[in-house]
Amino acid sequence: MLLDAVQSTAYFTVLSPEVTDAYMTLSKVGENTFAMLKAKGMQALLSSTISYMDVDEQVVGRDVKTFVTEDVGPAPAVNIKSYEKVTSREYFLVQKATLTLTYTISDLSSGAILLSRSFTGKEDQETKIGVRTYDAGAPGGYRDERRYTSGYAPSFKPMFEKILRSFSATISKQLAPSWQTKRLTLMSNKPKLEAAKDAYKLAERGSYEAAYRQFLSLYQMNGHIASGYNAALLLEAMGRFAEAVDLMNDVYNRSGSRQAYAALLDMQEAKSQSEKAQRQISGESALDGQGVMMMQYVVME
């Protein structure tokens, strides 16, 4: 499961556990396994342990109530009454599984632990094993029916496997950068400026740099708010977040536009996330349990 999570990112070159384990075994005879793995082109070692497992099972009985209509008066009088009555009792085997997985990333050059994370998951399942039906005409006043014929309780293995699978997506996001697409909608050409038409066409064709320059020029010359807004948006789309924030801030201060203010807040957040991602990728800061998320943009008219 852990190997699949790492390989699914398509970001790492992975040395299989069979090979890695063979190298790690050599450490018992004094070999420098980290140096040997590094010589194979590896940069880090991923190790994992199941640090906690627990199972619990118990039989639980639950009453089943139904509405019945009976003559509750003494003979020969008739006193018909409808009421809720316990008519049977169902018995379940309730099984609960708990598992904690811990994984650690170690740097092969320094031996330092780059990242260590733990996940705890719980699963439970119920198996109906019998029903007791209350019947005044039966011996003892009830009839028992067995619903589970096996001589063994259901295996806990599927529950543990489900717990482990639930960790996969989170682990892969923590270990590798990923992309998220964000769609940016240009502000409409209002008040209409004939000279801005070419800039819109350039943006539509994906010529963001050229469209940005035209929009910026129109904003600087004419104070056209839509052009200034769109120029800032295109800067964001090109990943120039600091410039985008400065320009959108100027657009907002000039116009007081709520749309510009909302875009400004989004840009400031994107700028912060981009800086954080760059620090994480370069190794300047430790991961905080969140995956590195980079933005890629699609500009729409």
Protein backbone atom coordinates (compact mmCIF):
# COMPACT_ATOMS: atom_id res chain seq x y z
CA MET A 1 0.00 0.00 0.00
CA LEU A 2 2.74 2.44 0.94
CA LEU A 3 4.76 1.59 -2.16
CA ASP A 4 1.69 2.11 -4.36
CA ALA A 5 1.06 5.48 -2.72
CA VAL A 6 4.60 6.65 -3.49
CA GLN A 7 4.63 5.31 -7.05
CA SER A 8 1.21 6.79 -7.81
CA THR A 9 2.69 10.29 -7.52
CA ALA A 10 4.87 9.67 -10.64
CA TYR A 11 7.33 12.02 -8.94
CA PHE A 12 9.90 9.68 -7.40
CA THR A 13 12.35 7.11 -8.69
CA VAL A 14 11.73 4.20 -6.35
CA LEU A 15 14.05 1.36 -5.40
CA SER A 16 11.84 -1.61 -4.60
CA PRO A 17 11.55 -2.83 -0.98
CA GLU A 18 13.11 -6.19 -1.92
CA VAL A 19 16.33 -4.46 -3.03
CA THR A 20 16.28 -1.91 -0.22
CA ASP A 21 15.77 -4.62 2.40
CA ALA A 22 18.77 -6.50 1.06
CA TYR A 23 20.94 -3.42 1.54
CA MET A 24 19.53 -2.79 5.02
CA THR A 25 20.37 -6.36 6.05
CA LEU A 26 24.05 -5.59 5.36
CA SER A 27 24.00 -3.03 8.17
CA LYS A 28 24.01 -5.98 10.58
CA VAL A 29 27.53 -6.84 9.45
CA GLY A 30 28.81 -3.29 9.69
CA GLU A 31 28.19 -2.02 6.16
CA ASN A 32 27.25 1.62 5.58
CA THR A 33 23.90 0.97 3.93
CA PHE A 34 23.03 4.65 3.58
CA ALA A 35 26.19 5.23 1.55
CA MET A 36 25.43 2.18 -0.60
CA LEU A 37 21.88 3.36 -1.31
CA LYS A 38 23.17 6.84 -2.08
CA ALA A 39 25.61 5.33 -4.56
CA LYS A 40 22.61 3.79 -6.32
CA GLY A 41 21.26 7.29 -6.90
CA MET A 42 18.82 7.30 -3.99
CA GLN A 43 18.36 10.43 -1.88
CA ALA A 44 16.10 9.28 0.94
CA LEU A 45 14.92 6.17 2.73
CA LEU A 46 11.25 5.57 3.42
CA SER A 47 10.57 3.20 6.30
CA SER A 48 7.31 2.24 7.94
CA THR A 49 6.01 0.42 10.98
CA ILE A 50 2.62 -0.63 12.24
CA SER A 51 3.08 0.75 15.71
CA TYR A 52 -0.30 -0.20 17.13
CA MET A 53 -2.97 -2.80 16.43
CA ASP A 54 -6.00 -3.66 18.49
CA VAL A 55 -9.10 -5.78 18.05
CA ASP A 56 -12.30 -5.90 20.05
CA GLU A 57 -15.36 -8.06 19.61
CA GLN A 58 -18.50 -8.60 21.62
CA VAL A 59 -22.00 -9.97 21.19
CA VAL A 60 -24.70 -7.32 21.33
CA GLY A 61 -28.44 -7.92 21.60
CA ARG A 62 -31.03 -5.45 20.33
CA ASP A 63 -34.75 -5.63 20.90
CA VAL A 64 -37.05 -5.44 17.89
CA LYS A 65 -40.33 -3.68 18.55
CA THR A 66 -43.45 -3.82 16.41
CA PHE A 67 -46.98 -2.52 16.74
CA VAL A 68 -49.45 -5.29 17.60
CA THR A 69 -53.20 -5.39 18.14
CA GLU A 70 -54.37 -7.69 20.93
CA ASP A 71 -57.37 -8.40 23.10
CA VAL A 72 -56.05 -7.43 26.53
CA GLY A 73 -59.36 -7.69 28.43
CA PRO A 74 -60.36 -10.70 30.55
CA ALA A 75 -62.79 -13.11 28.88
CA PRO A 76 -65.58 -12.85 27.96
CA ALA A 77 -65.08 -9.05 27.68
CA VAL A 78 -63.35 -7.69 24.59
CA ASN A 79 -60.77 -4.96 25.01
CA ILE A 80 -58.80 -4.46 21.77
CA LYS A 81 -55.63 -2.44 22.13
CA SER A 82 -52.80 -1.52 19.75
CA TYR A 83 -49.39 -0.89 21.26
CA GLU A 84 -45.66 -1.31 20.69
CA LYS A 85 -44.34 -4.64 21.86
CA VAL A 86 -40.95 -6.38 21.90
CA THR A 87 -41.50 -9.25 19.48
CA SER A 88 -37.94 -10.46 18.99
CA ARG A 89 -34.32 -9.84 19.87
CA GLU A 90 -31.49 -9.83 17.32
CA TYR A 91 -27.92 -10.74 18.25
CA PHE A 92 -24.86 -9.35 16.48
CA LEU A 93 -21.16 -10.01 16.69
CA VAL A 94 -19.66 -6.50 16.72
CA GLN A 95 -15.99 -6.35 15.71
CA LYS A 96 -13.78 -3.27 15.93
CA ALA A 97 -10.28 -2.88 14.52
CA THR A 98 -7.78 -0.10 15.24
CA LEU A 99 -4.42 0.37 13.52
CA THR A 100 -1.67 3.00 13.63
CA LEU A 101 0.81 3.29 10.77
CA THR A 102 3.95 5.38 11.16
CA TYR A 103 6.24 6.26 8.26
CA THR A 104 9.57 8.07 8.32
CA ILE A 105 11.67 9.72 5.60
CA SER A 106 15.43 9.82 6.31
CA ASP A 107 18.02 11.79 4.34
CA LEU A 108 20.71 9.43 3.06
CA SER A 109 23.42 12.11 3.11
CA SER A 110 23.02 13.32 6.69
CA GLY A 111 20.96 10.54 8.23
CA ALA A 112 18.55 13.19 9.54
CA ILE A 113 14.83 12.47 9.71
CA LEU A 114 13.13 14.74 7.21
CA LEU A 115 9.58 13.73 8.00
CA SER A 116 7.74 11.42 10.35
CA ARG A 117 3.98 10.99 10.33
CA SER A 118 1.50 8.69 12.06
CA PHE A 119 -2.02 7.75 11.04
CA THR A 120 -4.61 6.00 13.16
CA GLY A 121 -7.72 4.48 11.64
CA LYS A 122 -10.69 2.54 12.96
CA GLU A 123 -13.16 0.22 11.28
CA ASP A 124 -16.02 -1.86 12.59
CA GLN A 125 -18.38 -4.45 11.20
CA GLU A 126 -21.43 -6.29 12.46
CA THR A 127 -22.48 -9.85 11.72
CA LYS A 128 -25.96 -11.03 12.63
CA ILE A 129 -25.56 -14.36 14.41
CA GLY A 130 -29.06 -15.12 15.67
CA VAL A 131 -32.62 -14.06 16.34
CA ARG A 132 -34.82 -14.90 19.32
CA THR A 133 -38.51 -14.62 18.45
CA TYR A 134 -40.92 -14.44 21.36
CA ASP A 135 -43.79 -16.91 20.92
CA ALA A 136 -46.12 -17.82 23.79
CA GLY A 137 -46.85 -21.16 22.14
CA ALA A 138 -43.20 -22.20 21.91
CA PRO A 139 -41.32 -24.07 24.68
CA GLY A 140 -40.03 -21.47 27.11
CA GLY A 141 -41.99 -18.77 25.33
CA TYR A 142 -39.48 -18.15 22.51
CA ARG A 143 -37.83 -19.66 19.44
CA ASP A 144 -34.12 -19.20 18.61
CA GLU A 145 -32.79 -19.11 15.06
CA ARG A 146 -29.12 -19.22 14.20
CA ARG A 147 -28.12 -16.90 11.33
CA TYR A 148 -24.36 -17.48 11.17
CA THR A 149 -23.27 -21.03 10.42
CA SER A 150 -19.46 -20.80 10.43
CA GLY A 151 -17.55 -22.06 13.43
CA TYR A 152 -15.21 -19.07 13.22
CA ALA A 153 -15.76 -15.35 13.59
CA PRO A 154 -15.26 -13.21 10.44
CA SER A 155 -11.65 -12.25 9.81
CA PHE A 156 -10.32 -8.87 10.89
CA LYS A 157 -8.01 -8.75 7.86
CA PRO A 158 -10.42 -6.90 5.50
CA MET A 159 -10.90 -4.19 8.12
CA PHE A 160 -7.17 -3.67 8.58
CA GLU A 161 -6.69 -3.55 4.80
CA LYS A 162 -9.44 -0.94 4.49
CA ILE A 163 -7.79 1.19 7.18
CA LEU A 164 -4.45 1.06 5.38
CA ARG A 165 -5.99 1.92 2.01
CA SER A 166 -7.64 4.97 3.56
CA PHE A 167 -4.19 6.41 4.33
CA SER A 168 -2.86 6.14 0.74
CA ALA A 169 -4.23 9.36 -0.75
CA THR A 170 -3.09 11.47 2.20
CA ILE A 171 0.41 9.97 2.20
CA SER A 172 0.91 10.54 -1.53
CA LYS A 173 -0.15 14.19 -1.14
CA GLN A 174 2.23 14.67 1.77
CA LEU A 175 5.21 13.23 -0.07
CA ALA A 176 4.99 14.80 -3.51
CA PRO A 177 4.08 18.16 -5.05
CA SER A 178 0.79 18.26 -6.89
CA TRP A 179 -1.05 20.64 -9.17
CA GLN A 180 -4.44 22.23 -8.85
CA THR A 181 -6.11 23.99 -11.75
CA LYS A 182 -7.77 27.33 -11.07
CA ARG A 183 -9.94 29.08 -13.64
CA LEU A 184 -9.73 32.86 -13.79
CA THR A 185 -12.49 34.86 -15.48
CA LEU A 186 -11.57 38.19 -17.06
CA MET A 187 -13.63 41.23 -16.18
CA SER A 188 -15.96 42.17 -19.02
CA ASN A 189 -15.13 45.17 -21.18
CA LYS A 190 -17.35 47.66 -19.31
CA PRO A 191 -17.37 50.55 -19.78
CA LYS A 192 -16.63 49.40 -23.30
CA LEU A 193 -13.21 50.34 -24.63
CA GLU A 194 -12.71 49.59 -28.31
CA ALA A 195 -8.93 49.44 -27.93
CA ALA A 196 -9.22 46.57 -25.44
CA LYS A 197 -10.69 44.11 -27.93
CA ASP A 198 -7.29 42.96 -29.18
CA ALA A 199 -6.11 42.30 -25.62
CA TYR A 200 -9.13 40.03 -24.99
CA LYS A 201 -8.37 38.11 -28.19
CA LEU A 202 -4.75 37.62 -27.16
CA ALA A 203 -5.84 36.26 -23.77
CA GLU A 204 -8.32 33.94 -25.44
CA ARG A 205 -5.51 32.52 -27.62
CA GLY A 206 -3.31 31.97 -24.56
CA SER A 207 -0.87 34.77 -25.36
CA TYR A 208 -0.86 35.91 -21.75
CA GLU A 209 2.28 38.04 -21.82
CA ALA A 210 1.17 40.04 -24.84
CA ALA A 211 -2.37 40.41 -23.48
CA TYR A 212 -0.99 41.56 -20.13
CA ARG A 213 1.09 44.29 -21.74
CA GLN A 214 -1.86 45.61 -23.72
CA PHE A 215 -4.21 45.57 -20.74
CA LEU A 216 -1.61 47.29 -18.54
CA SER A 217 -0.98 49.99 -21.15
CA LEU A 218 -4.71 50.71 -21.44
CA TYR A 219 -5.04 50.88 -17.66
CA GLN A 220 -2.12 53.26 -17.32
CA MET A 221 -3.24 55.50 -20.18
CA ASN A 222 -7.01 55.50 -19.71
CA GLY A 223 -7.56 54.32 -16.15
CA HIS A 224 -9.75 51.55 -17.59
CA ILE A 225 -10.56 49.45 -14.50
CA ALA A 226 -11.39 46.26 -16.42
CA SER A 227 -8.03 46.45 -18.19
CA GLY A 228 -6.17 46.92 -14.91
CA TYR A 229 -8.08 44.05 -13.32
CA ASN A 230 -7.35 41.77 -16.28
CA ALA A 231 -3.67 42.72 -16.35
CA ALA A 232 -3.35 41.73 -12.69
CA LEU A 233 -5.21 38.48 -13.35
CA LEU A 234 -2.83 37.60 -16.18
CA LEU A 235 0.16 38.27 -13.92
CA GLU A 236 -1.30 35.78 -11.46
CA ALA A 237 -1.83 33.26 -14.26
CA MET A 238 1.84 33.59 -15.20
CA GLY A 239 2.91 32.99 -11.60
CA ARG A 240 4.06 36.56 -10.97
CA PHE A 241 2.17 36.81 -7.71
CA ALA A 242 3.93 39.77 -6.09
CA GLU A 243 3.35 41.95 -9.17
CA ALA A 244 -0.25 40.72 -9.41
CA VAL A 245 -0.97 41.65 -5.79
CA ASP A 246 0.53 45.13 -6.21
CA LEU A 247 -1.42 45.85 -9.38
CA MET A 248 -4.74 44.49 -8.09
CA ASN A 249 -4.28 46.51 -4.91
CA ASP A 250 -3.89 49.63 -7.06
CA VAL A 251 -7.01 48.70 -9.07
CA TYR A 252 -9.02 48.23 -5.87
CA ASN A 253 -7.82 51.52 -4.35
CA ARG A 254 -8.81 53.39 -7.51
CA SER A 255 -12.17 51.75 -8.04
CA GLY A 256 -13.38 50.36 -4.73
CA SER A 257 -14.61 47.36 -6.73
CA ARG A 258 -15.79 44.41 -4.65
CA GLN A 259 -14.73 42.12 -7.47
CA ALA A 260 -11.21 43.56 -7.35
CA TYR A 261 -11.12 43.20 -3.56
CA ALA A 262 -12.16 39.52 -3.72
CA ALA A 263 -9.53 38.86 -6.41
CA LEU A 264 -6.92 40.65 -4.29
CA LEU A 265 -7.60 38.37 -1.31
CA ASP A 266 -7.33 35.28 -3.54
CA MET A 267 -4.04 36.55 -4.98
CA GLN A 268 -2.57 37.19 -1.56
CA GLU A 269 -3.45 33.64 -0.53
CA ALA A 270 -1.99 32.23 -3.77
CA LYS A 271 1.19 34.25 -3.20
CA SER A 272 1.52 32.89 0.34
CA GLN A 273 0.93 29.29 -0.77
CA SER A 274 3.38 29.61 -3.66
CA GLU A 275 6.13 30.96 -1.40
CA LYS A 276 5.49 28.17 1.08
CA ALA A 277 5.61 25.56 -1.70
CA GLN A 278 8.90 26.92 -3.03
CA ARG A 279 10.42 26.81 0.46
CA GLN A 280 9.29 23.22 0.93
CA ILE A 281 10.59 22.10 -2.47
CA SER A 282 13.96 23.78 -1.86
CA GLY A 283 14.20 22.26 1.62
CA GLU A 284 14.26 25.62 3.41
CA SER A 285 11.36 24.60 5.66
CA ALA A 286 10.00 21.32 6.98
CA LEU A 287 6.71 19.93 5.81
CA ASP A 288 3.89 20.63 8.20
CA GLY A 289 1.75 17.66 7.26
CA GLN A 290 0.28 19.36 4.20
CA GLY A 291 1.31 18.46 0.68
CA VAL A 292 3.04 21.01 -1.53
CA MET A 293 0.30 22.49 -3.72
CA MET A 294 1.20 24.52 -6.79
CA MET A 295 -1.36 26.39 -8.90
CA GLN A 296 -1.73 26.29 -12.65
CA TYR A 297 -4.17 28.71 -14.23
CA VAL A 298 -6.57 28.78 -17.13
CA VAL A 299 -7.77 32.26 -18.10
CA MET A 300 -11.34 32.48 -19.41
CA GLU A 301 -13.06 35.44 -21.00
